[in-house]
């Protein structure tokens, strides 16, 4: 069953930028990844990193639309960097392939914070 069938609605927070998403998902606590010049194999912590794609808000259906002040939301997310990170990344396999083209594409489409007037 999907969210709508359970009485929920979803909104993508598309005004947030790449840096906001990294802070929100605590990905900014890890060292920056240097993209290799070609595909390589190795252990995940040495050759791979996570990147944020989007964030969704799930809320009860019938609430109606709502506006998001992305400037204030970004300012609030900025404070997440001061929190202590206690998680540990999971490894899904013993050996990984780092596809350089994927990371180069991710880097090329990083989005800044978008503040639009209502």
PDB file of N, CA and C in Angstrom:
ATOM      1  N   UNK A   1       0.851  -1.176   0.000  1.00  0.00           N
ATOM      2  CA  UNK A   1       0.000   0.000   0.000  1.00  0.00           C
ATOM      3  C   UNK A   1       0.893   1.234   0.000  1.00  0.00           C
ATOM      4  N   UNK A   2       0.466   2.259  -0.680  1.00  0.00           N
ATOM      5  CA  UNK A   2       1.274   3.474  -0.759  1.00  0.00           C
ATOM      6  C   UNK A   2       0.823   4.513   0.269  1.00  0.00           C
ATOM      7  N   UNK A   3       1.568   5.610   0.340  1.00  0.00           N
ATOM      8  CA  UNK A   3       1.301   6.660   1.329  1.00  0.00           C
ATOM      9  C   UNK A   3      -0.087   7.264   1.156  1.00  0.00           C
ATOM     10  N   UNK A   4      -0.513   7.472  -0.095  1.00  0.00           N
ATOM     11  CA  UNK A   4      -1.834   8.063  -0.344  1.00  0.00           C
ATOM     12  C   UNK A   4      -2.926   7.143   0.189  1.00  0.00           C
ATOM     13  N   UNK A   5      -2.774   5.858  -0.034  1.00  0.00           N
ATOM     14  CA  UNK A   5      -3.747   4.885   0.458  1.00  0.00           C
ATOM     15  C   UNK A   5      -3.834   4.862   1.976  1.00  0.00           C
ATOM     16  N   UNK A   6      -2.793   5.293   2.634  1.00  0.00           N
ATOM     17  CA  UNK A   6      -2.773   5.338   4.094  1.00  0.00           C
ATOM     18  C   UNK A   6      -3.119   6.722   4.640  1.00  0.00           C
ATOM     19  N   UNK A   7      -3.489   7.652   3.737  1.00  0.00           N
ATOM     20  CA  UNK A   7      -3.907   8.975   4.191  1.00  0.00           C
ATOM     21  C   UNK A   7      -2.784   9.979   4.337  1.00  0.00           C
ATOM     22  N   UNK A   8      -1.694   9.791   3.597  1.00  0.00           N
ATOM     23  CA  UNK A   8      -0.559  10.692   3.684  1.00  0.00           C
ATOM     24  C   UNK A   8      -0.317  11.375   2.343  1.00  0.00           C
ATOM     25  N   UNK A   9       0.361  12.497   2.385  1.00  0.00           N
ATOM     26  CA  UNK A   9       0.774  13.209   1.194  1.00  0.00           C
ATOM     27  C   UNK A   9       2.272  13.483   1.323  1.00  0.00           C
ATOM     28  N   UNK A  10       2.915  13.815   0.211  1.00  0.00           N
ATOM     29  CA  UNK A  10       4.362  14.015   0.198  1.00  0.00           C
ATOM     30  C   UNK A  10       4.693  15.276  -0.581  1.00  0.00           C
ATOM     31  N   UNK A  11       5.689  16.022  -0.109  1.00  0.00           N
ATOM     32  CA  UNK A  11       6.186  17.205  -0.819  1.00  0.00           C
ATOM     33  C   UNK A  11       7.706  17.136  -0.826  1.00  0.00           C
ATOM     34  N   UNK A  12       8.298  17.344  -1.995  1.00  0.00           N
ATOM     35  CA  UNK A  12       9.750  17.409  -2.081  1.00  0.00           C
ATOM     36  C   UNK A  12      10.189  18.826  -1.723  1.00  0.00           C
ATOM     37  N   UNK A  13      11.207  18.936  -0.907  1.00  0.00           N
ATOM     38  CA  UNK A  13      11.731  20.246  -0.514  1.00  0.00           C
ATOM     39  C   UNK A  13      12.826  20.628  -1.513  1.00  0.00           C
ATOM     40  N   UNK A  14      12.394  21.053  -2.689  1.00  0.00           N
ATOM     41  CA  UNK A  14      13.322  21.297  -3.784  1.00  0.00           C
ATOM     42  C   UNK A  14      14.049  22.632  -3.711  1.00  0.00           C
ATOM     43  N   UNK A  15      13.759  23.453  -2.720  1.00  0.00           N
ATOM     44  CA  UNK A  15      14.475  24.714  -2.570  1.00  0.00           C
ATOM     45  C   UNK A  15      15.784  24.565  -1.821  1.00  0.00           C
ATOM     46  N   UNK A  16      15.942  23.458  -1.098  1.00  0.00           N
ATOM     47  CA  UNK A  16      17.187  23.241  -0.361  1.00  0.00           C
ATOM     48  C   UNK A  16      18.322  22.951  -1.327  1.00  0.00           C
ATOM     49  N   UNK A  17      19.505  23.379  -0.964  1.00  0.00           N
ATOM     50  CA  UNK A  17      20.679  23.146  -1.790  1.00  0.00           C
ATOM     51  C   UNK A  17      21.450  21.913  -1.346  1.00  0.00           C
ATOM     52  N   UNK A  18      22.433  21.556  -2.148  1.00  0.00           N
ATOM     53  CA  UNK A  18      23.278  20.388  -1.893  1.00  0.00           C
ATOM     54  C   UNK A  18      23.928  20.450  -0.502  1.00  0.00           C
ATOM     55  N   UNK A  19      24.462  21.600  -0.142  1.00  0.00           N
ATOM     56  CA  UNK A  19      25.123  21.734   1.168  1.00  0.00           C
ATOM     57  C   UNK A  19      24.124  21.554   2.305  1.00  0.00           C
ATOM     58  N   UNK A  20      22.890  22.058   2.132  1.00  0.00           N
ATOM     59  CA  UNK A  20      21.860  21.872   3.159  1.00  0.00           C
ATOM     60  C   UNK A  20      21.565  20.389   3.354  1.00  0.00           C
ATOM     61  N   UNK A  21      21.427  19.670   2.252  1.00  0.00           N
ATOM     62  CA  UNK A  21      21.126  18.243   2.336  1.00  0.00           C
ATOM     63  C   UNK A  21      22.269  17.466   2.985  1.00  0.00           C
ATOM     64  N   UNK A  22      23.503  17.834   2.666  1.00  0.00           N
ATOM     65  CA  UNK A  22      24.647  17.174   3.300  1.00  0.00           C
ATOM     66  C   UNK A  22      24.618  17.357   4.809  1.00  0.00           C
ATOM     67  N   UNK A  23      24.309  18.569   5.269  1.00  0.00           N
ATOM     68  CA  UNK A  23      24.257  18.836   6.714  1.00  0.00           C
ATOM     69  C   UNK A  23      23.080  18.116   7.357  1.00  0.00           C
ATOM     70  N   UNK A  24      21.931  18.147   6.703  1.00  0.00           N
ATOM     71  CA  UNK A  24      20.736  17.497   7.231  1.00  0.00           C
ATOM     72  C   UNK A  24      20.944  15.995   7.410  1.00  0.00           C
ATOM     73  N   UNK A  25      21.679  15.393   6.491  1.00  0.00           N
ATOM     74  CA  UNK A  25      21.905  13.946   6.523  1.00  0.00           C
ATOM     75  C   UNK A  25      23.244  13.574   7.154  1.00  0.00           C
ATOM     76  N   UNK A  26      23.904  14.548   7.782  1.00  0.00           N
ATOM     77  CA  UNK A  26      25.182  14.354   8.483  1.00  0.00           C
ATOM     78  C   UNK A  26      26.280  13.814   7.566  1.00  0.00           C
ATOM     79  N   UNK A  27      26.212  14.138   6.288  1.00  0.00           N
ATOM     80  CA  UNK A  27      27.252  13.697   5.365  1.00  0.00           C
ATOM     81  C   UNK A  27      28.442  14.646   5.354  1.00  0.00           C
ATOM     82  N   UNK A  28      28.279  15.811   5.949  1.00  0.00           N
ATOM     83  CA  UNK A  28      29.373  16.783   5.987  1.00  0.00           C
ATOM     84  C   UNK A  28      30.426  16.444   7.032  1.00  0.00           C
ATOM     85  N   UNK A  29      30.185  15.422   7.855  1.00  0.00           N
ATOM     86  CA  UNK A  29      31.162  15.049   8.888  1.00  0.00           C
ATOM     87  C   UNK A  29      32.278  14.164   8.333  1.00  0.00           C
ATOM     88  N   UNK A  30      32.083  13.636   7.138  1.00  0.00           N
ATOM     89  CA  UNK A  30      33.074  12.758   6.537  1.00  0.00           C
ATOM     90  C   UNK A  30      34.047  13.566   5.678  1.00  0.00           C
ATOM     91  N   UNK A  31      35.271  13.088   5.523  1.00  0.00           N
ATOM     92  CA  UNK A  31      36.236  13.805   4.683  1.00  0.00           C
ATOM     93  C   UNK A  31      35.728  13.908   3.247  1.00  0.00           C
ATOM     94  N   UNK A  32      36.125  14.971   2.572  1.00  0.00           N
ATOM     95  CA  UNK A  32      35.743  15.143   1.174  1.00  0.00           C
ATOM     96  C   UNK A  32      36.384  14.047   0.338  1.00  0.00           C
ATOM     97  N   UNK A  33      35.655  13.595  -0.634  1.00  0.00           N
ATOM     98  CA  UNK A  33      36.068  12.497  -1.492  1.00  0.00           C
ATOM     99  C   UNK A  33      36.763  13.048  -2.735  1.00  0.00           C
ATOM    100  N   UNK A  34      37.913  12.500  -3.065  1.00  0.00           N
ATOM    101  CA  UNK A  34      38.602  12.895  -4.289  1.00  0.00           C
ATOM    102  C   UNK A  34      38.218  11.910  -5.390  1.00  0.00           C
ATOM    103  N   UNK A  35      37.599  12.425  -6.433  1.00  0.00           N
ATOM    104  CA  UNK A  35      37.109  11.579  -7.515  1.00  0.00           C
ATOM    105  C   UNK A  35      38.290  11.038  -8.314  1.00  0.00           C
ATOM    106  N   UNK A  36      38.349   9.708  -8.483  1.00  0.00           N
ATOM    107  CA  UNK A  36      39.453   9.137  -9.263  1.00  0.00           C
ATOM    108  C   UNK A  36      39.288   9.459 -10.756  1.00  0.00           C
ATOM    109  N   UNK A  37      40.346   9.326 -11.493  1.00  0.00           N
ATOM    110  CA  UNK A  37      40.298   9.633 -12.924  1.00  0.00           C
ATOM    111  C   UNK A  37      39.727   8.480 -13.748  1.00  0.00           C
ATOM    112  N   UNK A  38      39.579   7.300 -13.124  1.00  0.00           N
ATOM    113  CA  UNK A  38      38.996   6.148 -13.819  1.00  0.00           C
ATOM    114  C   UNK A  38      38.322   5.257 -12.787  1.00  0.00           C
ATOM    115  N   UNK A  39      37.538   4.284 -13.241  1.00  0.00           N
ATOM    116  CA  UNK A  39      36.870   3.353 -12.331  1.00  0.00           C
ATOM    117  C   UNK A  39      37.907   2.502 -11.605  1.00  0.00           C
ATOM    118  N   UNK A  40      37.692   2.316 -10.286  1.00  0.00           N
ATOM    119  CA  UNK A  40      38.619   1.509  -9.489  1.00  0.00           C
ATOM    120  C   UNK A  40      37.833   0.609  -8.547  1.00  0.00           C
ATOM    121  N   UNK A  41      38.475  -0.450  -8.039  1.00  0.00           N
ATOM    122  CA  UNK A  41      37.872  -1.347  -7.055  1.00  0.00           C
ATOM    123  C   UNK A  41      38.600  -1.163  -5.734  1.00  0.00           C
ATOM    124  N   UNK A  42      37.883  -1.425  -4.639  1.00  0.00           N
ATOM    125  CA  UNK A  42      38.511  -1.322  -3.332  1.00  0.00           C
ATOM    126  C   UNK A  42      37.490  -1.360  -2.224  1.00  0.00           C
ATOM    127  N   UNK A  43      37.908  -0.974  -1.018  1.00  0.00           N
ATOM    128  CA  UNK A  43      37.012  -0.947   0.140  1.00  0.00           C
ATOM    129  C   UNK A  43      36.225   0.354   0.132  1.00  0.00           C
ATOM    130  N   UNK A  44      34.989   0.301   0.638  1.00  0.00           N
ATOM    131  CA  UNK A  44      34.074   1.435   0.550  1.00  0.00           C
ATOM    132  C   UNK A  44      34.630   2.711   1.177  1.00  0.00           C
ATOM    133  N   UNK A  45      35.247   2.620   2.333  1.00  0.00           N
ATOM    134  CA  UNK A  45      35.710   3.839   2.990  1.00  0.00           C
ATOM    135  C   UNK A  45      36.838   4.520   2.226  1.00  0.00           C
ATOM    136  N   UNK A  46      37.518   3.769   1.378  1.00  0.00           N
ATOM    137  CA  UNK A  46      38.620   4.337   0.613  1.00  0.00           C
ATOM    138  C   UNK A  46      38.186   4.896  -0.733  1.00  0.00           C
ATOM    139  N   UNK A  47      37.148   4.309  -1.327  1.00  0.00           N
ATOM    140  CA  UNK A  47      36.829   4.682  -2.706  1.00  0.00           C
ATOM    141  C   UNK A  47      35.404   5.165  -2.937  1.00  0.00           C
ATOM    142  N   UNK A  48      34.600   5.264  -1.932  1.00  0.00           N
ATOM    143  CA  UNK A  48      33.199   5.582  -2.172  1.00  0.00           C
ATOM    144  C   UNK A  48      32.669   6.557  -1.137  1.00  0.00           C
ATOM    145  N   UNK A  49      31.673   7.325  -1.513  1.00  0.00           N
ATOM    146  CA  UNK A  49      31.049   8.223  -0.561  1.00  0.00           C
ATOM    147  C   UNK A  49      29.577   8.373  -0.893  1.00  0.00           C
ATOM    148  N   UNK A  50      28.830   8.858   0.062  1.00  0.00           N
ATOM    149  CA  UNK A  50      27.395   9.079  -0.115  1.00  0.00           C
ATOM    150  C   UNK A  50      27.164  10.515  -0.562  1.00  0.00           C
ATOM    151  N   UNK A  51      26.105  10.700  -1.303  1.00  0.00           N
ATOM    152  CA  UNK A  51      25.711  12.047  -1.708  1.00  0.00           C
ATOM    153  C   UNK A  51      24.196  12.153  -1.595  1.00  0.00           C
ATOM    154  N   UNK A  52      23.715  13.293  -1.137  1.00  0.00           N
ATOM    155  CA  UNK A  52      22.271  13.461  -0.959  1.00  0.00           C
ATOM    156  C   UNK A  52      21.582  13.775  -2.286  1.00  0.00           C
ATOM    157  N   UNK A  53      20.384  13.247  -2.453  1.00  0.00           N
ATOM    158  CA  UNK A  53      19.616  13.518  -3.665  1.00  0.00           C
ATOM    159  C   UNK A  53      18.460  14.481  -3.403  1.00  0.00           C
ATOM    160  N   UNK A  54      17.686  14.197  -2.371  1.00  0.00           N
ATOM    161  CA  UNK A  54      16.544  15.064  -2.076  1.00  0.00           C
ATOM    162  C   UNK A  54      16.039  14.762  -0.670  1.00  0.00           C
ATOM    163  N   UNK A  55      15.128  15.600  -0.202  1.00  0.00           N
ATOM    164  CA  UNK A  55      14.459  15.363   1.079  1.00  0.00           C
ATOM    165  C   UNK A  55      12.967  15.584   0.859  1.00  0.00           C
ATOM    166  N   UNK A  56      12.177  14.712   1.454  1.00  0.00           N
ATOM    167  CA  UNK A  56      10.724  14.766   1.331  1.00  0.00           C
ATOM    168  C   UNK A  56      10.092  15.028   2.687  1.00  0.00           C
ATOM    169  N   UNK A  57       8.964  15.720   2.674  1.00  0.00           N
ATOM    170  CA  UNK A  57       8.157  15.894   3.875  1.00  0.00           C
ATOM    171  C   UNK A  57       6.912  15.037   3.683  1.00  0.00           C
ATOM    172  N   UNK A  58       6.628  14.188   4.641  1.00  0.00           N
ATOM    173  CA  UNK A  58       5.429  13.358   4.607  1.00  0.00           C
ATOM    174  C   UNK A  58       4.473  13.916   5.645  1.00  0.00           C
ATOM    175  N   UNK A  59       3.212  14.172   5.238  1.00  0.00           N
ATOM    176  CA  UNK A  59       2.249  14.797   6.134  1.00  0.00           C
ATOM    177  C   UNK A  59       0.853  14.251   5.835  1.00  0.00           C
ATOM    178  N   UNK A  60      -0.083  14.409   6.779  1.00  0.00           N
ATOM    179  CA  UNK A  60      -1.435  13.876   6.578  1.00  0.00           C
ATOM    180  C   UNK A  60      -2.135  14.533   5.382  1.00  0.00           C
ATOM    181  N   UNK A  61      -2.834  13.730   4.575  1.00  0.00           N
ATOM    182  CA  UNK A  61      -3.611  14.266   3.456  1.00  0.00           C
ATOM    183  C   UNK A  61      -4.691  15.197   3.984  1.00  0.00           C
ATOM    184  N   UNK A  62      -5.069  16.141   3.152  1.00  0.00           N
ATOM    185  CA  UNK A  62      -6.131  17.058   3.528  1.00  0.00           C
ATOM    186  C   UNK A  62      -5.644  18.279   4.273  1.00  0.00           C
ATOM    187  N   UNK A  63      -4.369  18.324   4.611  1.00  0.00           N
ATOM    188  CA  UNK A  63      -3.822  19.475   5.313  1.00  0.00           C
ATOM    189  C   UNK A  63      -3.803  20.677   4.373  1.00  0.00           C
ATOM    190  N   UNK A  64      -3.709  20.406   3.084  1.00  0.00           N
ATOM    191  CA  UNK A  64      -3.615  21.484   2.101  1.00  0.00           C
ATOM    192  C   UNK A  64      -2.162  21.806   1.836  1.00  0.00           C
ATOM    193  N   UNK A  65      -1.958  22.682   0.883  1.00  0.00           N
ATOM    194  CA  UNK A  65      -0.589  23.058   0.549  1.00  0.00           C
ATOM    195  C   UNK A  65       0.039  23.900   1.641  1.00  0.00           C
ATOM    196  N   UNK A  66       1.313  23.977   1.638  1.00  0.00           N
ATOM    197  CA  UNK A  66       2.015  24.833   2.583  1.00  0.00           C
ATOM    198  C   UNK A  66       3.240  25.411   1.904  1.00  0.00           C
ATOM    199  N   UNK A  67       3.642  26.552   2.379  1.00  0.00           N
ATOM    200  CA  UNK A  67       4.833  27.203   1.847  1.00  0.00           C
ATOM    201  C   UNK A  67       5.998  26.958   2.782  1.00  0.00           C
ATOM    202  N   UNK A  68       7.169  26.868   2.196  1.00  0.00           N
ATOM    203  CA  UNK A  68       8.383  26.647   2.971  1.00  0.00           C
ATOM    204  C   UNK A  68       9.289  27.863   2.796  1.00  0.00           C
ATOM    205  N   UNK A  69       9.740  28.409   3.911  1.00  0.00           N
ATOM    206  CA  UNK A  69      10.712  29.491   3.863  1.00  0.00           C
ATOM    207  C   UNK A  69      12.091  28.824   3.845  1.00  0.00           C
ATOM    208  N   UNK A  70      12.636  28.648   2.639  1.00  0.00           N
ATOM    209  CA  UNK A  70      13.891  27.918   2.489  1.00  0.00           C
ATOM    210  C   UNK A  70      15.070  28.645   3.118  1.00  0.00           C
ATOM    211  N   UNK A  71      15.018  29.944   3.165  1.00  0.00           N
ATOM    212  CA  UNK A  71      16.112  30.690   3.790  1.00  0.00           C
ATOM    213  C   UNK A  71      16.167  30.383   5.290  1.00  0.00           C
ATOM    214  N   UNK A  72      15.009  30.389   5.966  1.00  0.00           N
ATOM    215  CA  UNK A  72      14.975  30.069   7.401  1.00  0.00           C
ATOM    216  C   UNK A  72      15.298  28.598   7.643  1.00  0.00           C
ATOM    217  N   UNK A  73      14.780  27.730   6.773  1.00  0.00           N
ATOM    218  CA  UNK A  73      15.053  26.303   6.919  1.00  0.00           C
ATOM    219  C   UNK A  73      16.546  26.030   6.762  1.00  0.00           C
ATOM    220  N   UNK A  74      17.175  26.652   5.778  1.00  0.00           N
ATOM    221  CA  UNK A  74      18.613  26.492   5.572  1.00  0.00           C
ATOM    222  C   UNK A  74      19.393  27.002   6.783  1.00  0.00           C
ATOM    223  N   UNK A  75      18.975  28.125   7.328  1.00  0.00           N
ATOM    224  CA  UNK A  75      19.629  28.689   8.515  1.00  0.00           C
ATOM    225  C   UNK A  75      19.525  27.707   9.686  1.00  0.00           C
ATOM    226  N   UNK A  76      18.361  27.068   9.842  1.00  0.00           N
ATOM    227  CA  UNK A  76      18.182  26.088  10.922  1.00  0.00           C
ATOM    228  C   UNK A  76      19.049  24.853  10.702  1.00  0.00           C
ATOM    229  N   UNK A  77      19.113  24.393   9.466  1.00  0.00           N
ATOM    230  CA  UNK A  77      19.923  23.214   9.141  1.00  0.00           C
ATOM    231  C   UNK A  77      21.403  23.491   9.380  1.00  0.00           C
ATOM    232  N   UNK A  78      21.818  24.721   9.215  1.00  0.00           N
ATOM    233  CA  UNK A  78      23.215  25.109   9.445  1.00  0.00           C
ATOM    234  C   UNK A  78      23.669  24.693  10.850  1.00  0.00           C
ATOM    235  N   UNK A  79      22.752  24.719  11.800  1.00  0.00           N
ATOM    236  CA  UNK A  79      23.079  24.381  13.194  1.00  0.00           C
ATOM    237  C   UNK A  79      23.321  22.883  13.381  1.00  0.00           C
ATOM    238  N   UNK A  80      22.895  22.057  12.434  1.00  0.00           N
ATOM    239  CA  UNK A  80      23.099  20.614  12.543  1.00  0.00           C
ATOM    240  C   UNK A  80      24.574  20.260  12.604  1.00  0.00           C
ATOM    241  N   UNK A  81      25.429  21.072  11.985  1.00  0.00           N
ATOM    242  CA  UNK A  81      26.864  20.781  11.959  1.00  0.00           C
ATOM    243  C   UNK A  81      27.480  20.794  13.358  1.00  0.00           C
ATOM    244  N   UNK A  82      26.838  21.462  14.303  1.00  0.00           N
ATOM    245  CA  UNK A  82      27.359  21.531  15.666  1.00  0.00           C
ATOM    246  C   UNK A  82      26.996  20.285  16.490  1.00  0.00           C
ATOM    247  N   UNK A  83      26.119  19.437  15.961  1.00  0.00           N
ATOM    248  CA  UNK A  83      25.718  18.225  16.676  1.00  0.00           C
ATOM    249  C   UNK A  83      26.787  17.149  16.561  1.00  0.00           C
ATOM    250  N   UNK A  84      26.856  16.268  17.553  1.00  0.00           N
ATOM    251  CA  UNK A  84      27.810  15.160  17.519  1.00  0.00           C
ATOM    252  C   UNK A  84      27.258  14.030  16.665  1.00  0.00           C
ATOM    253  N   UNK A  85      28.081  13.524  15.773  1.00  0.00           N
ATOM    254  CA  UNK A  85      27.698  12.399  14.922  1.00  0.00           C
ATOM    255  C   UNK A  85      28.034  11.110  15.654  1.00  0.00           C
ATOM    256  N   UNK A  86      27.061  10.196  15.782  1.00  0.00           N
ATOM    257  CA  UNK A  86      27.308   8.941  16.479  1.00  0.00           C
ATOM    258  C   UNK A  86      27.077   7.724  15.598  1.00  0.00           C
ATOM    259  N   UNK A  87      26.694   7.923  14.362  1.00  0.00           N
ATOM    260  CA  UNK A  87      26.411   6.807  13.459  1.00  0.00           C
ATOM    261  C   UNK A  87      27.669   6.206  12.870  1.00  0.00           C
ATOM    262  N   UNK A  88      27.494   5.040  12.243  1.00  0.00           N
ATOM    263  CA  UNK A  88      28.589   4.364  11.569  1.00  0.00           C
ATOM    264  C   UNK A  88      28.045   3.835  10.243  1.00  0.00           C
ATOM    265  N   UNK A  89      28.696   4.165   9.114  1.00  0.00           N
ATOM    266  CA  UNK A  89      28.204   3.687   7.818  1.00  0.00           C
ATOM    267  C   UNK A  89      28.232   2.164   7.727  1.00  0.00           C
ATOM    268  N   UNK A  90      27.232   1.606   7.086  1.00  0.00           N
ATOM    269  CA  UNK A  90      27.180   0.166   6.836  1.00  0.00           C
ATOM    270  C   UNK A  90      27.849  -0.141   5.513  1.00  0.00           C
ATOM    271  N   UNK A  91      28.517  -1.260   5.445  1.00  0.00           N
ATOM    272  CA  UNK A  91      29.098  -1.721   4.199  1.00  0.00           C
ATOM    273  C   UNK A  91      28.185  -2.791   3.633  1.00  0.00           C
ATOM    274  N   UNK A  92      27.759  -2.626   2.381  1.00  0.00           N
ATOM    275  CA  UNK A  92      26.837  -3.584   1.776  1.00  0.00           C
ATOM    276  C   UNK A  92      27.547  -4.734   1.091  1.00  0.00           C
ATOM    277  N   UNK A  93      28.817  -4.566   0.756  1.00  0.00           N
ATOM    278  CA  UNK A  93      29.588  -5.664   0.185  1.00  0.00           C
ATOM    279  C   UNK A  93      31.057  -5.470   0.535  1.00  0.00           C
ATOM    280  N   UNK A  94      31.841  -6.540   0.359  1.00  0.00           N
ATOM    281  CA  UNK A  94      33.251  -6.480   0.727  1.00  0.00           C
ATOM    282  C   UNK A  94      34.079  -5.647  -0.240  1.00  0.00           C
ATOM    283  N   UNK A  95      33.701  -5.655  -1.490  1.00  0.00           N
ATOM    284  CA  UNK A  95      34.452  -4.902  -2.483  1.00  0.00           C
ATOM    285  C   UNK A  95      33.503  -4.049  -3.309  1.00  0.00           C
ATOM    286  N   UNK A  96      33.912  -2.858  -3.599  1.00  0.00           N
ATOM    287  CA  UNK A  96      33.086  -1.910  -4.338  1.00  0.00           C
ATOM    288  C   UNK A  96      33.824  -1.440  -5.584  1.00  0.00           C
ATOM    289  N   UNK A  97      33.045  -0.994  -6.535  1.00  0.00           N
ATOM    290  CA  UNK A  97      33.619  -0.358  -7.717  1.00  0.00           C
ATOM    291  C   UNK A  97      33.235   1.109  -7.659  1.00  0.00           C
ATOM    292  N   UNK A  98      34.202   1.950  -7.775  1.00  0.00           N
ATOM    293  CA  UNK A  98      33.961   3.386  -7.807  1.00  0.00           C
ATOM    294  C   UNK A  98      33.868   3.799  -9.271  1.00  0.00           C
ATOM    295  N   UNK A  99      32.662   4.104  -9.704  1.00  0.00           N
ATOM    296  CA  UNK A  99      32.449   4.540 -11.080  1.00  0.00           C
ATOM    297  C   UNK A  99      32.642   6.049 -11.116  1.00  0.00           C
ATOM    298  N   UNK A 100      33.790   6.478 -11.594  1.00  0.00           N
ATOM    299  CA  UNK A 100      34.136   7.892 -11.600  1.00  0.00           C
ATOM    300  C   UNK A 100      33.094   8.748 -12.298  1.00  0.00           C
ATOM    301  N   UNK A 101      32.473   8.261 -13.352  1.00  0.00           N
ATOM    302  CA  UNK A 101      31.505   9.055 -14.098  1.00  0.00           C
ATOM    303  C   UNK A 101      30.283   9.396 -13.244  1.00  0.00           C
ATOM    304  N   UNK A 102      29.911   8.505 -12.340  1.00  0.00           N
ATOM    305  CA  UNK A 102      28.774   8.780 -11.456  1.00  0.00           C
ATOM    306  C   UNK A 102      29.099   9.958 -10.544  1.00  0.00           C
ATOM    307  N   UNK A 103      30.267   9.949  -9.942  1.00  0.00           N
ATOM    308  CA  UNK A 103      30.640  11.021  -9.019  1.00  0.00           C
ATOM    309  C   UNK A 103      30.894  12.340  -9.740  1.00  0.00           C
ATOM    310  N   UNK A 104      31.417  12.263 -10.959  1.00  0.00           N
ATOM    311  CA  UNK A 104      31.610  13.485 -11.740  1.00  0.00           C
ATOM    312  C   UNK A 104      30.249  14.094 -12.104  1.00  0.00           C
ATOM    313  N   UNK A 105      29.277  13.239 -12.409  1.00  0.00           N
ATOM    314  CA  UNK A 105      27.926  13.721 -12.721  1.00  0.00           C
ATOM    315  C   UNK A 105      27.284  14.338 -11.489  1.00  0.00           C
ATOM    316  N   UNK A 106      27.401  13.686 -10.356  1.00  0.00           N
ATOM    317  CA  UNK A 106      26.853  14.215  -9.106  1.00  0.00           C
ATOM    318  C   UNK A 106      27.443  15.592  -8.818  1.00  0.00           C
ATOM    319  N   UNK A 107      28.732  15.719  -8.988  1.00  0.00           N
ATOM    320  CA  UNK A 107      29.413  16.987  -8.740  1.00  0.00           C
ATOM    321  C   UNK A 107      28.918  18.075  -9.709  1.00  0.00           C
ATOM    322  N   UNK A 108      28.670  17.688 -10.947  1.00  0.00           N
ATOM    323  CA  UNK A 108      28.256  18.656 -11.969  1.00  0.00           C
ATOM    324  C   UNK A 108      26.836  19.186 -11.741  1.00  0.00           C
ATOM    325  N   UNK A 109      25.996  18.420 -11.049  1.00  0.00           N
ATOM    326  CA  UNK A 109      24.599  18.844 -10.869  1.00  0.00           C
ATOM    327  C   UNK A 109      24.286  19.311  -9.449  1.00  0.00           C
ATOM    328  N   UNK A 110      25.303  19.563  -8.638  1.00  0.00           N
ATOM    329  CA  UNK A 110      25.043  20.064  -7.290  1.00  0.00           C
ATOM    330  C   UNK A 110      24.246  21.357  -7.374  1.00  0.00           C
ATOM    331  N   UNK A 111      23.185  21.443  -6.575  1.00  0.00           N
ATOM    332  CA  UNK A 111      22.264  22.557  -6.628  1.00  0.00           C
ATOM    333  C   UNK A 111      22.453  23.477  -5.437  1.00  0.00           C
ATOM    334  N   UNK A 112      22.457  24.789  -5.661  1.00  0.00           N
ATOM    335  CA  UNK A 112      22.522  25.718  -4.534  1.00  0.00           C
ATOM    336  C   UNK A 112      21.142  25.915  -3.905  1.00  0.00           C
ATOM    337  N   UNK A 113      21.109  26.543  -2.764  1.00  0.00           N
ATOM    338  CA  UNK A 113      19.854  26.920  -2.122  1.00  0.00           C
ATOM    339  C   UNK A 113      19.076  27.822  -3.081  1.00  0.00           C
ATOM    340  N   UNK A 114      17.770  27.550  -3.221  1.00  0.00           N
ATOM    341  CA  UNK A 114      16.911  28.357  -4.097  1.00  0.00           C
ATOM    342  C   UNK A 114      15.892  29.080  -3.256  1.00  0.00           C
ATOM    343  N   UNK A 115      15.981  30.386  -3.221  1.00  0.00           N
ATOM    344  CA  UNK A 115      15.032  31.200  -2.462  1.00  0.00           C
ATOM    345  C   UNK A 115      14.170  31.948  -3.464  1.00  0.00           C
ATOM    346  N   UNK A 116      12.900  31.602  -3.499  1.00  0.00           N
ATOM    347  CA  UNK A 116      11.997  32.290  -4.414  1.00  0.00           C
ATOM    348  C   UNK A 116      10.959  33.044  -3.617  1.00  0.00           C
ATOM    349  N   UNK A 117      10.486  34.141  -4.164  1.00  0.00           N
ATOM    350  CA  UNK A 117       9.457  34.910  -3.470  1.00  0.00           C
ATOM    351  C   UNK A 117       8.089  34.384  -3.825  1.00  0.00           C
ATOM    352  N   UNK A 118       7.184  34.345  -2.837  1.00  0.00           N
ATOM    353  CA  UNK A 118       5.840  33.788  -3.055  1.00  0.00           C
ATOM    354  C   UNK A 118       5.015  34.607  -4.020  1.00  0.00           C
TER     355      UNK A 118
END
